[in-house]
Structures are given as structure tokens and as C-alpha cells.
Amino acid sequence: MKKKTVATIAAPARICIYTDEDRPVTLKFFNEINQNALFFQRKLVIDLSQVTYASAAASTLMFAIVNRAQLTQGDANSIRFIFPSKTENDNGHRWIVRTGLSKALLAGNLDRLTALTENEQYFQSAVRPYEQYPKTVNFLDKEADLSLDQFLTLSTAISEAMINVAHHAYQHPDMEPMLKSMGGDRWWQCSWFSRVTNEVYFIICDLGLGAGKTFASGNAVSPFSDESDWVKQAFSYGGTRYDDPSRGNGSEDMKRPIGVSNSDNEKLLVFTGIAMYVYTSENNDPVCTSLPDHIPGTLVQWSLKRTGS
């Protein structure tokens, strides 16, 4: 049997998709992982030793991309890592190791992924909403320090997001082989608590078709519209890929946690395909813009101000 070649990929210093400056190099890095692992079927060494910052959203997306590659290759050890050293790169060690991202990146098979949830790690992955949802809600109840209204609305929003993945994200025949290797309609999630900014982040992402393309596949869309228009429609009241307004009210549940605390600094952020959707507590009119770079799948992030119960 021919021995697989090993490719070494160095991460950029900043792994982040929030800013126009960081996003291109971060997505290029992710694309290198995809090409080498999925297309060329190479074993990889990913060098994270020089990373100085990794944002919550980009960390979750990297977890998803790496984990999909591991599951698709059927080898938890097909990707190895050089992690930042605490003595030589304390900033990088804080973002990669102390957040638990390093443990998530090493969870390359189904048993290890299950252990992430059982051990209540910040980064987790699942395929069954009705099994994962109560575990996630219990974890947030213990760790997030949200008001009752925040907790209830965020819990409902998370449930809707998980169900959306199971019902919509991977509904294309070309994705069936990938679904088998991933164990089903898989998503990856992260609960992130910042004591510095007093904020709670919850992020969920999939590597499916993308919210805009999924919406367009089930609806009559204008030939003059683009992906940002489709995403905005998908997250509007009544938006659904089934062209049935009675089935599309979940988007309101996903927006509802924003502003419950009467804070002006809360946000629902969605990256999908070449679109970015932003809904804030300061502006009730969502903004959806086109991006020059392609985000795989759909990533949804809620950021809420901690108010306590």
C-alpha cells in the first residue's frame, strides 16, 4: 500500500473571520486544510505554534473543518498539531489550549466527540438535536449566568438552530457520502464566556449547503437577487426553503434573545456562503451584506451581555 504523504500547514498569526483584514488569510488557511485532507487525502501537520489570537467564530469553524477531515479519512490521527507553548507564546496558548480548542481538534472520532459533551467542554459536536439540546441547556444554565428571559429565549434559539441543521443543511444528494462518514447531519458548537467583556457567546456551525443556497433551492427567487438577498429572506419572518410561510417562523426565535437584557451591545451574527447577516439590539432592521470570501456552510453566533439571574 502506498504511504500517504504528509503536508505541513502553518496557521496565520490571527485566526479570525470577523474582520475584512483577517478573514481572507484565515479562510485561505482553512481551504488549505480542506484541499490537502479531502482532495489529496494527505495526512497533515497543522502548525499553530505562532498563533497569537483565535476568535470564537473562527475557532469553531476550524474545529468543524478539521473534524470533518478526520472523520472523512476515518483516522483520528490523520491530522497532528503543533500547539503554542505556554512559555514561548502565552497568548497563543491561551486561545488554543486554555479554551479547550486543542482538545476539540484532537477529537477525531465519534467516541472522542461524545466525550467532549460528556466532559462539558466548551467545544462540542453532535448530530441528534433532541439528545444534544438538553445537555447544552444544562451546561449553559450552570455556566452562562444569564437572566431567566435571556436563558429561555437563547435556549429556544439554540433548539431552532440545531433542528435547522438536521432538516435543511445537508439536503443534497452529493452530500450523502460525507454524512455517512460524519455519522449524520453534524454540527459543531461552542459556548464561550468572556469575563473581560461580561459577554456570553454561543456559536453553532455546519458544513452544509449554506443558508442562502438552501433557501433558494426551495423558493422562487428573483433572477436579479444574490446570496445576501436569499439569506436575508431566509432569516425574515416566514422565511423557509419550503415556500410555506407557516413553516418559517423559527427565524424569529433565533433573533429573540437579542435585546432581552435591554443592552445596546447584543448581536446575532450569521456567516454563510458569501453573505454576512447582522441583527443587533440597537437596530431592528437586519443588515445582510455580500462578502468577497466564501464561508463554508452556515455559522450562527449569539453574543449576549451577562446580567445574572
C-alpha atoms as a PDB file:
ATOM      1  CA  MET A   1       0.000   0.000   0.000  1.00  0.00           C
ATOM      2  CA  LYS A   2       1.330   3.419  -0.954  1.00  0.00           C
ATOM      3  CA  LYS A   3       2.197   5.511   2.077  1.00  0.00           C
ATOM      4  CA  LYS A   4       0.273   8.772   2.303  1.00  0.00           C
ATOM      5  CA  THR A   5       2.325  11.930   2.016  1.00  0.00           C
ATOM      6  CA  VAL A   6       2.372  14.338   4.949  1.00  0.00           C
ATOM      7  CA  ALA A   7       1.792  18.051   4.395  1.00  0.00           C
ATOM      8  CA  THR A   8       2.640  20.725   6.958  1.00  0.00           C
ATOM      9  CA  ILE A   9       0.354  23.768   7.057  1.00  0.00           C
ATOM     10  CA  ALA A  10       1.232  26.835   9.119  1.00  0.00           C
ATOM     11  CA  ALA A  11      -1.617  28.855  10.590  1.00  0.00           C
ATOM     12  CA  PRO A  12      -1.685  32.652  10.336  1.00  0.00           C
ATOM     13  CA  ALA A  13      -0.913  34.614  13.495  1.00  0.00           C
ATOM     14  CA  ARG A  14      -4.550  35.700  13.769  1.00  0.00           C
ATOM     15  CA  ILE A  15      -7.296  33.167  13.130  1.00  0.00           C
ATOM     16  CA  CYS A  16     -10.399  35.312  12.757  1.00  0.00           C
ATOM     17  CA  ILE A  17     -13.325  35.778  10.363  1.00  0.00           C
ATOM     18  CA  TYR A  18     -14.858  38.874  11.963  1.00  0.00           C
ATOM     19  CA  THR A  19     -12.755  41.487  10.158  1.00  0.00           C
ATOM     20  CA  ASP A  20     -12.070  42.155   6.492  1.00  0.00           C
ATOM     21  CA  GLU A  21      -8.338  42.149   7.246  1.00  0.00           C
ATOM     22  CA  ASP A  22      -8.210  38.754   8.978  1.00  0.00           C
ATOM     23  CA  ARG A  23     -10.875  36.874   7.047  1.00  0.00           C
ATOM     24  CA  PRO A  24      -9.024  36.236   3.737  1.00  0.00           C
ATOM     25  CA  VAL A  25      -5.903  34.720   5.308  1.00  0.00           C
ATOM     26  CA  THR A  26      -7.955  32.690   7.782  1.00  0.00           C
ATOM     27  CA  LEU A  27     -10.163  31.227   5.058  1.00  0.00           C
ATOM     28  CA  LYS A  28      -7.127  30.536   2.875  1.00  0.00           C
ATOM     29  CA  PHE A  29      -5.676  28.552   5.792  1.00  0.00           C
ATOM     30  CA  PHE A  30      -8.936  26.594   6.192  1.00  0.00           C
ATOM     31  CA  ASN A  31      -9.047  25.947   2.448  1.00  0.00           C
ATOM     32  CA  GLU A  32      -5.519  24.521   2.555  1.00  0.00           C
ATOM     33  CA  ILE A  33      -6.673  22.054   5.195  1.00  0.00           C
ATOM     34  CA  ASN A  34      -9.672  21.078   3.074  1.00  0.00           C
ATOM     35  CA  GLN A  35      -7.694  20.646  -0.138  1.00  0.00           C
ATOM     36  CA  ASN A  36      -4.900  18.591   1.378  1.00  0.00           C
ATOM     37  CA  ALA A  37      -7.062  16.408   3.617  1.00  0.00           C
ATOM     38  CA  LEU A  38     -10.185  15.927   1.496  1.00  0.00           C
ATOM     39  CA  PHE A  39      -8.975  16.245  -2.100  1.00  0.00           C
ATOM     40  CA  PHE A  40      -5.405  14.937  -1.891  1.00  0.00           C
ATOM     41  CA  GLN A  41      -6.132  12.621   1.084  1.00  0.00           C
ATOM     42  CA  ARG A  42      -2.890  13.634   2.768  1.00  0.00           C
ATOM     43  CA  LYS A  43      -2.004  13.316   6.395  1.00  0.00           C
ATOM     44  CA  LEU A  44      -1.413  16.739   7.882  1.00  0.00           C
ATOM     45  CA  VAL A  45       0.660  18.531  10.467  1.00  0.00           C
ATOM     46  CA  ILE A  46      -1.012  21.811  11.366  1.00  0.00           C
ATOM     47  CA  ASP A  47       1.389  24.263  12.960  1.00  0.00           C
ATOM     48  CA  LEU A  48      -0.441  26.535  15.406  1.00  0.00           C
ATOM     49  CA  SER A  49       2.675  27.464  17.350  1.00  0.00           C
ATOM     50  CA  GLN A  50       2.784  31.080  16.116  1.00  0.00           C
ATOM     51  CA  VAL A  51      -0.919  31.865  16.592  1.00  0.00           C
ATOM     52  CA  THR A  52      -1.427  34.922  18.815  1.00  0.00           C
ATOM     53  CA  TYR A  53      -5.231  35.206  18.578  1.00  0.00           C
ATOM     54  CA  ALA A  54      -8.120  32.909  17.659  1.00  0.00           C
ATOM     55  CA  SER A  55     -11.646  34.328  17.720  1.00  0.00           C
ATOM     56  CA  ALA A  56     -14.628  32.330  18.916  1.00  0.00           C
ATOM     57  CA  ALA A  57     -16.270  32.002  15.498  1.00  0.00           C
ATOM     58  CA  ALA A  58     -13.076  31.110  13.629  1.00  0.00           C
ATOM     59  CA  SER A  59     -12.108  28.602  16.329  1.00  0.00           C
ATOM     60  CA  THR A  60     -15.462  26.848  15.957  1.00  0.00           C
ATOM     61  CA  LEU A  61     -15.179  26.810  12.177  1.00  0.00           C
ATOM     62  CA  MET A  62     -11.646  25.421  12.372  1.00  0.00           C
ATOM     63  CA  PHE A  63     -12.877  22.692  14.738  1.00  0.00           C
ATOM     64  CA  ALA A  64     -15.549  21.794  12.178  1.00  0.00           C
ATOM     65  CA  ILE A  65     -13.193  21.734   9.184  1.00  0.00           C
ATOM     66  CA  VAL A  66     -10.527  19.697  10.955  1.00  0.00           C
ATOM     67  CA  ASN A  67     -13.031  17.284  12.447  1.00  0.00           C
ATOM     68  CA  ARG A  68     -14.789  16.676   9.138  1.00  0.00           C
ATOM     69  CA  ALA A  69     -11.418  15.838   7.572  1.00  0.00           C
ATOM     70  CA  GLN A  70     -10.584  13.403  10.382  1.00  0.00           C
ATOM     71  CA  LEU A  71     -13.964  11.667  10.163  1.00  0.00           C
ATOM     72  CA  THR A  72     -13.874  11.526   6.360  1.00  0.00           C
ATOM     73  CA  GLN A  73     -10.415   9.936   6.408  1.00  0.00           C
ATOM     74  CA  GLY A  74     -11.561   7.541   9.130  1.00  0.00           C
ATOM     75  CA  ASP A  75      -8.410   8.220  11.115  1.00  0.00           C
ATOM     76  CA  ALA A  76      -8.354  10.287  14.295  1.00  0.00           C
ATOM     77  CA  ASN A  77      -4.589  10.652  13.929  1.00  0.00           C
ATOM     78  CA  SER A  78      -4.587  11.747  10.291  1.00  0.00           C
ATOM     79  CA  ILE A  79      -4.070  15.326  11.446  1.00  0.00           C
ATOM     80  CA  ARG A  80      -1.439  16.194  14.044  1.00  0.00           C
ATOM     81  CA  PHE A  81      -0.823  19.577  15.625  1.00  0.00           C
ATOM     82  CA  ILE A  82       1.954  21.757  16.930  1.00  0.00           C
ATOM     83  CA  PHE A  83       0.299  23.770  19.681  1.00  0.00           C
ATOM     84  CA  PRO A  84       1.572  27.070  21.095  1.00  0.00           C
ATOM     85  CA  SER A  85       3.893  26.725  24.054  1.00  0.00           C
ATOM     86  CA  LYS A  86       2.917  28.495  27.279  1.00  0.00           C
ATOM     87  CA  THR A  87       6.498  29.609  27.862  1.00  0.00           C
ATOM     88  CA  GLU A  88       7.213  30.800  24.314  1.00  0.00           C
ATOM     89  CA  ASN A  89       3.756  32.015  23.215  1.00  0.00           C
ATOM     90  CA  ASP A  90       1.463  32.596  26.174  1.00  0.00           C
ATOM     91  CA  ASN A  91      -1.145  34.466  24.096  1.00  0.00           C
ATOM     92  CA  GLY A  92      -1.420  31.627  21.622  1.00  0.00           C
ATOM     93  CA  HIS A  93      -1.515  29.063  24.416  1.00  0.00           C
ATOM     94  CA  ARG A  94      -4.406  30.962  25.993  1.00  0.00           C
ATOM     95  CA  TRP A  95      -6.502  30.966  22.808  1.00  0.00           C
ATOM     96  CA  ILE A  96      -5.698  27.459  21.572  1.00  0.00           C
ATOM     97  CA  VAL A  97      -5.059  25.374  24.685  1.00  0.00           C
ATOM     98  CA  ARG A  98      -6.733  27.031  27.664  1.00  0.00           C
ATOM     99  CA  THR A  99     -10.023  27.497  25.793  1.00  0.00           C
ATOM    100  CA  GLY A 100     -10.169  23.750  25.147  1.00  0.00           C
ATOM    101  CA  LEU A 101      -9.834  24.172  21.380  1.00  0.00           C
ATOM    102  CA  SER A 102      -6.792  21.881  21.364  1.00  0.00           C
ATOM    103  CA  LYS A 103      -8.849  19.065  22.924  1.00  0.00           C
ATOM    104  CA  ALA A 104     -11.574  19.575  20.339  1.00  0.00           C
ATOM    105  CA  LEU A 105      -9.068  19.458  17.473  1.00  0.00           C
ATOM    106  CA  LEU A 106      -7.815  16.096  18.759  1.00  0.00           C
ATOM    107  CA  ALA A 107     -11.331  14.623  19.000  1.00  0.00           C
ATOM    108  CA  GLY A 108     -11.023  12.897  15.641  1.00  0.00           C
ATOM    109  CA  ASN A 109     -13.535  10.064  16.023  1.00  0.00           C
ATOM    110  CA  LEU A 110     -17.115   9.628  17.198  1.00  0.00           C
ATOM    111  CA  ASP A 111     -16.203   8.358  20.665  1.00  0.00           C
ATOM    112  CA  ARG A 112     -13.935  11.324  21.352  1.00  0.00           C
ATOM    113  CA  LEU A 113     -16.619  13.733  20.141  1.00  0.00           C
ATOM    114  CA  THR A 114     -19.121  12.179  22.536  1.00  0.00           C
ATOM    115  CA  ALA A 115     -16.581  12.620  25.343  1.00  0.00           C
ATOM    116  CA  LEU A 116     -16.396  16.374  24.668  1.00  0.00           C
ATOM    117  CA  THR A 117     -20.078  16.675  25.566  1.00  0.00           C
ATOM    118  CA  GLU A 118     -19.906  14.283  28.491  1.00  0.00           C
ATOM    119  CA  ASN A 119     -16.958  16.220  29.939  1.00  0.00           C
ATOM    120  CA  GLU A 120     -18.743  19.550  29.363  1.00  0.00           C
ATOM    121  CA  GLN A 121     -16.057  21.048  27.148  1.00  0.00           C
ATOM    122  CA  TYR A 122     -16.744  24.456  25.587  1.00  0.00           C
ATOM    123  CA  PHE A 123     -16.384  22.936  22.103  1.00  0.00           C
ATOM    124  CA  GLN A 124     -18.782  20.098  21.245  1.00  0.00           C
ATOM    125  CA  SER A 125     -20.308  18.343  18.233  1.00  0.00           C
ATOM    126  CA  ALA A 126     -23.454  16.292  17.666  1.00  0.00           C
ATOM    127  CA  VAL A 127     -25.952  15.003  15.109  1.00  0.00           C
ATOM    128  CA  ARG A 128     -29.136  14.471  17.161  1.00  0.00           C
ATOM    129  CA  PRO A 129     -30.849  17.692  18.317  1.00  0.00           C
ATOM    130  CA  TYR A 130     -33.133  16.025  20.863  1.00  0.00           C
ATOM    131  CA  GLU A 131     -30.178  14.372  22.597  1.00  0.00           C
ATOM    132  CA  GLN A 132     -27.771  17.301  22.475  1.00  0.00           C
ATOM    133  CA  TYR A 133     -30.216  20.090  23.304  1.00  0.00           C
ATOM    134  CA  PRO A 134     -30.876  19.236  26.983  1.00  0.00           C
ATOM    135  CA  LYS A 135     -27.154  18.709  27.627  1.00  0.00           C
ATOM    136  CA  THR A 136     -26.344  22.082  26.078  1.00  0.00           C
ATOM    137  CA  VAL A 137     -29.097  23.839  28.014  1.00  0.00           C
ATOM    138  CA  ASN A 138     -27.968  22.296  31.304  1.00  0.00           C
ATOM    139  CA  PHE A 139     -24.394  23.381  30.609  1.00  0.00           C
ATOM    140  CA  LEU A 140     -25.467  26.951  29.838  1.00  0.00           C
ATOM    141  CA  ASP A 141     -27.640  27.032  32.956  1.00  0.00           C
ATOM    142  CA  LYS A 142     -24.580  26.236  35.072  1.00  0.00           C
ATOM    143  CA  GLU A 143     -22.033  28.422  33.304  1.00  0.00           C
ATOM    144  CA  ALA A 144     -23.617  31.331  31.440  1.00  0.00           C
ATOM    145  CA  ASP A 145     -25.052  33.466  34.285  1.00  0.00           C
ATOM    146  CA  LEU A 146     -27.923  34.769  32.158  1.00  0.00           C
ATOM    147  CA  SER A 147     -31.230  36.225  33.307  1.00  0.00           C
ATOM    148  CA  LEU A 148     -34.238  33.917  33.109  1.00  0.00           C
ATOM    149  CA  ASP A 149     -35.587  35.664  29.987  1.00  0.00           C
ATOM    150  CA  GLN A 150     -32.189  35.509  28.299  1.00  0.00           C
ATOM    151  CA  PHE A 151     -31.796  31.852  29.170  1.00  0.00           C
ATOM    152  CA  LEU A 152     -35.258  30.890  27.895  1.00  0.00           C
ATOM    153  CA  THR A 153     -35.009  32.800  24.617  1.00  0.00           C
ATOM    154  CA  LEU A 154     -31.453  31.616  23.931  1.00  0.00           C
ATOM    155  CA  SER A 155     -32.435  28.012  24.679  1.00  0.00           C
ATOM    156  CA  THR A 156     -35.281  28.228  22.174  1.00  0.00           C
ATOM    157  CA  ALA A 157     -32.986  29.809  19.576  1.00  0.00           C
ATOM    158  CA  ILE A 158     -30.391  27.069  20.028  1.00  0.00           C
ATOM    159  CA  SER A 159     -33.059  24.401  19.624  1.00  0.00           C
ATOM    160  CA  GLU A 160     -34.190  26.007  16.370  1.00  0.00           C
ATOM    161  CA  ALA A 161     -30.621  26.188  15.068  1.00  0.00           C
ATOM    162  CA  MET A 162     -29.955  22.516  15.840  1.00  0.00           C
ATOM    163  CA  ILE A 163     -33.184  21.443  14.159  1.00  0.00           C
ATOM    164  CA  ASN A 164     -32.354  23.600  11.129  1.00  0.00           C
ATOM    165  CA  VAL A 165     -29.135  21.651  10.643  1.00  0.00           C
ATOM    166  CA  ALA A 166     -30.952  18.323  10.885  1.00  0.00           C
ATOM    167  CA  HIS A 167     -33.729  19.374   8.489  1.00  0.00           C
ATOM    168  CA  HIS A 168     -32.013  21.641   5.975  1.00  0.00           C
ATOM    169  CA  ALA A 169     -28.222  21.951   5.993  1.00  0.00           C
ATOM    170  CA  TYR A 170     -27.178  18.826   4.103  1.00  0.00           C
ATOM    171  CA  GLN A 171     -30.209  18.199   1.904  1.00  0.00           C
ATOM    172  CA  HIS A 172     -28.360  17.423  -1.314  1.00  0.00           C
ATOM    173  CA  PRO A 173     -27.522  14.018  -2.855  1.00  0.00           C
ATOM    174  CA  ASP A 174     -23.845  14.970  -3.278  1.00  0.00           C
ATOM    175  CA  MET A 175     -23.519  15.221   0.499  1.00  0.00           C
ATOM    176  CA  GLU A 176     -24.694  11.700   1.308  1.00  0.00           C
ATOM    177  CA  PRO A 177     -21.196  10.098   1.367  1.00  0.00           C
ATOM    178  CA  MET A 178     -19.927  12.841   3.675  1.00  0.00           C
ATOM    179  CA  LEU A 179     -22.906  12.395   6.006  1.00  0.00           C
ATOM    180  CA  LYS A 180     -22.132   8.715   6.412  1.00  0.00           C
ATOM    181  CA  SER A 181     -18.550   9.400   7.445  1.00  0.00           C
ATOM    182  CA  MET A 182     -19.648  12.178   9.826  1.00  0.00           C
ATOM    183  CA  GLY A 183     -22.267   9.991  11.498  1.00  0.00           C
ATOM    184  CA  GLY A 184     -25.202  12.093  10.307  1.00  0.00           C
ATOM    185  CA  ASP A 185     -26.223  15.741   9.905  1.00  0.00           C
ATOM    186  CA  ARG A 186     -23.379  17.009  12.032  1.00  0.00           C
ATOM    187  CA  TRP A 187     -22.919  20.403  13.560  1.00  0.00           C
ATOM    188  CA  TRP A 188     -20.196  21.858  15.778  1.00  0.00           C
ATOM    189  CA  GLN A 189     -20.845  24.261  18.636  1.00  0.00           C
ATOM    190  CA  CYS A 190     -19.041  26.437  21.120  1.00  0.00           C
ATOM    191  CA  SER A 191     -20.073  28.099  24.387  1.00  0.00           C
ATOM    192  CA  TRP A 192     -17.705  30.987  25.061  1.00  0.00           C
ATOM    193  CA  PHE A 193     -17.756  33.107  28.225  1.00  0.00           C
ATOM    194  CA  SER A 194     -15.788  36.346  28.406  1.00  0.00           C
ATOM    195  CA  ARG A 195     -15.290  37.762  31.878  1.00  0.00           C
ATOM    196  CA  VAL A 196     -13.397  40.676  30.341  1.00  0.00           C
ATOM    197  CA  THR A 197     -16.370  41.941  28.319  1.00  0.00           C
ATOM    198  CA  ASN A 198     -19.018  40.273  30.511  1.00  0.00           C
ATOM    199  CA  GLU A 199     -20.479  38.512  27.477  1.00  0.00           C
ATOM    200  CA  VAL A 200     -21.796  35.072  26.627  1.00  0.00           C
ATOM    201  CA  TYR A 201     -21.284  33.717  23.113  1.00  0.00           C
ATOM    202  CA  PHE A 202     -22.985  30.661  21.706  1.00  0.00           C
ATOM    203  CA  ILE A 203     -21.942  29.512  18.250  1.00  0.00           C
ATOM    204  CA  ILE A 204     -23.230  26.702  16.074  1.00  0.00           C
ATOM    205  CA  CYS A 205     -21.993  25.869  12.593  1.00  0.00           C
ATOM    206  CA  ASP A 206     -22.455  23.225   9.938  1.00  0.00           C
ATOM    207  CA  LEU A 207     -20.618  22.475   6.701  1.00  0.00           C
ATOM    208  CA  GLY A 208     -23.686  22.083   4.533  1.00  0.00           C
ATOM    209  CA  LEU A 209     -25.004  23.954   1.502  1.00  0.00           C
ATOM    210  CA  GLY A 210     -25.327  27.304   3.266  1.00  0.00           C
ATOM    211  CA  ALA A 211     -28.500  29.091   4.375  1.00  0.00           C
ATOM    212  CA  GLY A 212     -28.843  31.192   1.226  1.00  0.00           C
ATOM    213  CA  LYS A 213     -28.434  28.361  -1.259  1.00  0.00           C
ATOM    214  CA  THR A 214     -30.724  26.146   0.809  1.00  0.00           C
ATOM    215  CA  PHE A 215     -33.406  28.852   0.754  1.00  0.00           C
ATOM    216  CA  ALA A 216     -33.012  29.435  -2.985  1.00  0.00           C
ATOM    217  CA  SER A 217     -33.277  25.710  -3.690  1.00  0.00           C
ATOM    218  CA  GLY A 218     -36.829  25.614  -2.313  1.00  0.00           C
ATOM    219  CA  ASN A 219     -38.178  29.008  -3.312  1.00  0.00           C
ATOM    220  CA  ALA A 220     -38.793  31.057  -6.427  1.00  0.00           C
ATOM    221  CA  VAL A 221     -36.158  33.782  -6.143  1.00  0.00           C
ATOM    222  CA  SER A 222     -35.644  36.797  -8.358  1.00  0.00           C
ATOM    223  CA  PRO A 223     -33.040  36.323 -11.104  1.00  0.00           C
ATOM    224  CA  PHE A 224     -31.692  39.728 -10.056  1.00  0.00           C
ATOM    225  CA  SER A 225     -31.152  38.674  -6.446  1.00  0.00           C
ATOM    226  CA  ASP A 226     -27.959  37.281  -4.942  1.00  0.00           C
ATOM    227  CA  GLU A 227     -26.952  35.182  -1.951  1.00  0.00           C
ATOM    228  CA  SER A 228     -27.162  38.067   0.506  1.00  0.00           C
ATOM    229  CA  ASP A 229     -30.787  38.644  -0.576  1.00  0.00           C
ATOM    230  CA  TRP A 230     -31.579  34.957  -0.084  1.00  0.00           C
ATOM    231  CA  VAL A 231     -30.023  34.892   3.375  1.00  0.00           C
ATOM    232  CA  LYS A 232     -31.961  37.980   4.470  1.00  0.00           C
ATOM    233  CA  GLN A 233     -35.179  36.373   3.228  1.00  0.00           C
ATOM    234  CA  ALA A 234     -34.332  33.106   4.952  1.00  0.00           C
ATOM    235  CA  PHE A 235     -33.983  34.931   8.282  1.00  0.00           C
ATOM    236  CA  SER A 236     -37.089  37.043   7.801  1.00  0.00           C
ATOM    237  CA  TYR A 237     -40.474  36.235   9.324  1.00  0.00           C
ATOM    238  CA  GLY A 238     -41.900  33.369   7.308  1.00  0.00           C
ATOM    239  CA  GLY A 239     -38.622  32.599   5.557  1.00  0.00           C
ATOM    240  CA  THR A 240     -38.246  28.907   4.733  1.00  0.00           C
ATOM    241  CA  ARG A 241     -36.878  26.804   1.918  1.00  0.00           C
ATOM    242  CA  TYR A 242     -40.294  25.157   1.534  1.00  0.00           C
ATOM    243  CA  ASP A 243     -42.026  28.319   0.248  1.00  0.00           C
ATOM    244  CA  ASP A 244     -44.558  27.944   3.074  1.00  0.00           C
ATOM    245  CA  PRO A 245     -44.700  30.951   5.444  1.00  0.00           C
ATOM    246  CA  SER A 246     -46.280  28.884   8.224  1.00  0.00           C
ATOM    247  CA  ARG A 247     -43.045  26.880   8.473  1.00  0.00           C
ATOM    248  CA  GLY A 248     -40.557  29.743   8.602  1.00  0.00           C
ATOM    249  CA  ASN A 249     -41.155  31.387  11.972  1.00  0.00           C
ATOM    250  CA  GLY A 250     -38.101  29.844  13.592  1.00  0.00           C
ATOM    251  CA  SER A 251     -36.003  32.776  12.393  1.00  0.00           C
ATOM    252  CA  GLU A 252     -37.893  34.981  14.835  1.00  0.00           C
ATOM    253  CA  ASP A 253     -36.963  32.602  17.644  1.00  0.00           C
ATOM    254  CA  MET A 254     -33.329  32.916  16.602  1.00  0.00           C
ATOM    255  CA  LYS A 255     -33.497  36.727  16.790  1.00  0.00           C
ATOM    256  CA  ARG A 256     -35.480  36.901  20.033  1.00  0.00           C
ATOM    257  CA  PRO A 257     -32.570  36.646  22.530  1.00  0.00           C
ATOM    258  CA  ILE A 258     -31.074  39.866  21.143  1.00  0.00           C
ATOM    259  CA  GLY A 259     -32.036  42.846  23.280  1.00  0.00           C
ATOM    260  CA  VAL A 260     -33.841  40.922  26.023  1.00  0.00           C
ATOM    261  CA  SER A 261     -31.440  42.428  28.570  1.00  0.00           C
ATOM    262  CA  ASN A 262     -32.059  45.961  27.191  1.00  0.00           C
ATOM    263  CA  SER A 263     -28.373  46.166  26.318  1.00  0.00           C
ATOM    264  CA  ASP A 264     -27.263  48.041  23.198  1.00  0.00           C
ATOM    265  CA  ASN A 265     -24.371  45.674  22.542  1.00  0.00           C
ATOM    266  CA  GLU A 266     -26.002  42.348  21.695  1.00  0.00           C
ATOM    267  CA  LYS A 267     -25.808  40.713  18.305  1.00  0.00           C
ATOM    268  CA  LEU A 268     -26.932  37.820  16.143  1.00  0.00           C
ATOM    269  CA  LEU A 269     -24.264  37.215  13.517  1.00  0.00           C
ATOM    270  CA  VAL A 270     -24.508  34.755  10.630  1.00  0.00           C
ATOM    271  CA  PHE A 271     -21.781  33.849   8.154  1.00  0.00           C
ATOM    272  CA  THR A 272     -22.856  31.646   5.260  1.00  0.00           C
ATOM    273  CA  GLY A 273     -21.531  31.344   1.720  1.00  0.00           C
ATOM    274  CA  ILE A 274     -20.614  34.850   0.581  1.00  0.00           C
ATOM    275  CA  ALA A 275     -23.066  36.576   2.911  1.00  0.00           C
ATOM    276  CA  MET A 276     -22.894  38.087   6.394  1.00  0.00           C
ATOM    277  CA  TYR A 277     -26.138  38.749   8.281  1.00  0.00           C
ATOM    278  CA  VAL A 278     -26.155  41.036  11.318  1.00  0.00           C
ATOM    279  CA  TYR A 279     -29.052  41.705  13.683  1.00  0.00           C
ATOM    280  CA  THR A 280     -28.337  43.889  16.714  1.00  0.00           C
ATOM    281  CA  SER A 281     -30.197  45.176  19.748  1.00  0.00           C
ATOM    282  CA  GLU A 282     -29.514  48.721  18.506  1.00  0.00           C
ATOM    283  CA  ASN A 283     -31.125  48.240  15.091  1.00  0.00           C
ATOM    284  CA  ASN A 284     -34.274  46.206  14.455  1.00  0.00           C
ATOM    285  CA  ASP A 285     -33.594  46.195  10.727  1.00  0.00           C
ATOM    286  CA  PRO A 286     -31.163  43.347   9.953  1.00  0.00           C
ATOM    287  CA  VAL A 287     -28.302  44.064   7.569  1.00  0.00           C
ATOM    288  CA  CYS A 288     -27.073  41.430   5.125  1.00  0.00           C
ATOM    289  CA  THR A 289     -24.024  42.149   3.009  1.00  0.00           C
ATOM    290  CA  SER A 290     -22.017  40.274   0.404  1.00  0.00           C
ATOM    291  CA  LEU A 291     -18.502  39.102   1.255  1.00  0.00           C
ATOM    292  CA  PRO A 292     -15.561  38.723  -1.117  1.00  0.00           C
ATOM    293  CA  ASP A 293     -14.651  35.413   0.528  1.00  0.00           C
ATOM    294  CA  HIS A 294     -16.651  32.190   0.797  1.00  0.00           C
ATOM    295  CA  ILE A 295     -17.591  30.831   4.239  1.00  0.00           C
ATOM    296  CA  PRO A 296     -18.319  27.079   4.125  1.00  0.00           C
ATOM    297  CA  GLY A 297     -21.716  26.035   5.462  1.00  0.00           C
ATOM    298  CA  THR A 298     -23.514  28.267   7.956  1.00  0.00           C
ATOM    299  CA  LEU A 299     -22.206  29.710  11.207  1.00  0.00           C
ATOM    300  CA  VAL A 300     -24.583  31.383  13.677  1.00  0.00           C
ATOM    301  CA  GLN A 301     -23.357  33.334  16.694  1.00  0.00           C
ATOM    302  CA  TRP A 302     -25.289  34.946  19.521  1.00  0.00           C
ATOM    303  CA  SER A 303     -23.471  37.425  21.763  1.00  0.00           C
ATOM    304  CA  LEU A 304     -25.349  38.480  24.888  1.00  0.00           C
ATOM    305  CA  LYS A 305     -24.476  40.652  27.862  1.00  0.00           C
ATOM    306  CA  ARG A 306     -24.405  38.792  31.162  1.00  0.00           C
ATOM    307  CA  THR A 307     -26.959  40.170  33.592  1.00  0.00           C
ATOM    308  CA  GLY A 308     -27.249  37.338  36.111  1.00  0.00           C
ATOM    309  CA  SER A 309     -30.416  35.566  37.143  1.00  0.00           C
END
